[in-house]
Amino acid sequence: MKKYRYKLNMLEPGLKMIKAIGIFVVLGITFYMTDIMQLCYIFSGLAVILGVILLLLLIIESHQDKVLNEQAIEEMRKNGEDGY
């Protein structure tokens, strides 16, 4: 199994990214209402890009959690522990 040197922790950065996505969406809607379409597209695009990046990072973190959990289960089996 693969050992990870660094473990992603997306809780705090994820919250900041969600806040930024919300701000970009609100700005996009505001510029849409005022018919400034270029800025609407820019901020909407930034919200989408940030959302995709967050999704990819969460997928990576989920994979790391799965691998680390499997390693912990294997180690408990080797040591003869129940785990409960």
Protein backbone atom coordinates (compact mmCIF):
# COMPACT_ATOMS: atom_id res chain seq x y z
CA MET A 1 0.00 0.00 0.00
CA LYS A 2 1.04 3.54 -0.65
CA LYS A 3 2.27 5.66 2.25
CA TYR A 4 1.48 9.36 2.13
CA ARG A 5 4.05 11.88 3.23
CA TYR A 6 1.46 14.62 3.66
CA LYS A 7 -2.23 14.19 4.46
CA LEU A 8 -4.66 16.70 3.00
CA ASN A 9 -6.93 18.36 5.52
CA MET A 10 -9.58 20.27 3.60
CA LEU A 11 -11.81 21.41 6.47
CA GLU A 12 -10.54 24.96 6.95
CA PRO A 13 -9.38 25.60 3.35
CA GLY A 14 -12.65 24.08 2.11
CA LEU A 15 -14.70 26.49 4.20
CA LYS A 16 -12.70 29.43 2.87
CA MET A 17 -13.17 28.19 -0.69
CA ILE A 18 -16.93 27.83 -0.18
CA LYS A 19 -17.11 31.39 1.15
CA ALA A 20 -15.15 32.63 -1.87
CA ILE A 21 -17.44 30.71 -4.23
CA GLY A 22 -20.45 32.34 -2.55
CA ILE A 23 -18.94 35.80 -2.90
CA PHE A 24 -18.12 35.18 -6.58
CA VAL A 25 -21.67 33.94 -7.24
CA VAL A 26 -23.18 37.00 -5.55
CA LEU A 27 -20.89 39.29 -7.55
CA GLY A 28 -21.77 37.41 -10.75
CA ILE A 29 -25.50 37.82 -10.08
CA THR A 30 -25.00 41.50 -9.20
CA PHE A 31 -23.15 42.19 -12.43
CA TYR A 32 -25.76 40.20 -14.37
CA MET A 33 -28.53 42.39 -12.91
CA THR A 34 -26.63 45.55 -13.85
CA ASP A 35 -25.93 44.28 -17.39
CA ILE A 36 -22.17 44.24 -16.99
CA MET A 37 -21.85 40.88 -18.68
CA GLN A 38 -18.06 40.65 -18.92
CA LEU A 39 -17.65 40.89 -15.15
CA CYS A 40 -20.60 38.53 -14.69
CA TYR A 41 -18.86 35.91 -16.83
CA ILE A 42 -15.53 36.44 -15.08
CA PHE A 43 -16.89 36.02 -11.55
CA SER A 44 -19.19 33.15 -12.51
CA GLY A 45 -16.25 31.41 -14.19
CA LEU A 46 -14.09 31.93 -11.11
CA ALA A 47 -16.82 30.39 -8.94
CA VAL A 48 -17.02 27.34 -11.22
CA ILE A 49 -13.24 26.91 -11.39
CA LEU A 50 -12.92 27.19 -7.61
CA GLY A 51 -15.74 24.68 -7.17
CA VAL A 52 -14.04 22.18 -9.48
CA ILE A 53 -10.72 22.60 -7.65
CA LEU A 54 -12.47 22.04 -4.31
CA LEU A 55 -14.18 18.93 -5.65
CA LEU A 56 -10.87 17.50 -6.90
CA LEU A 57 -9.16 18.18 -3.57
CA LEU A 58 -12.02 16.50 -1.70
CA ILE A 59 -11.74 13.45 -3.96
CA ILE A 60 -8.00 13.25 -3.24
CA GLU A 61 -8.60 13.61 0.52
CA SER A 62 -11.26 10.89 0.41
CA HIS A 63 -8.85 8.53 -1.35
CA GLN A 64 -6.14 9.25 1.21
CA ASP A 65 -8.59 8.60 4.06
CA LYS A 66 -9.57 5.27 2.50
CA VAL A 67 -5.95 4.15 2.09
CA LEU A 68 -4.97 5.26 5.61
CA ASN A 69 -8.02 3.50 7.06
CA GLU A 70 -7.09 0.28 5.25
CA GLN A 71 -3.54 0.57 6.59
CA ALA A 72 -4.83 1.02 10.15
CA ILE A 73 -7.12 -2.01 9.82
CA GLU A 74 -4.25 -4.13 8.46
CA GLU A 75 -1.98 -3.00 11.30
CA MET A 76 -4.65 -3.88 13.90
CA ARG A 77 -5.04 -7.33 12.34
CA LYS A 78 -1.29 -7.89 12.55
CA ASN A 79 -1.24 -6.88 16.20
CA GLY A 80 -4.26 -9.03 17.00
CA GLU A 81 -6.43 -6.15 18.17
CA ASP A 82 -10.20 -6.08 17.81
CA GLY A 83 -10.41 -2.37 17.08
CA TYR A 84 -13.55 -1.88 19.15
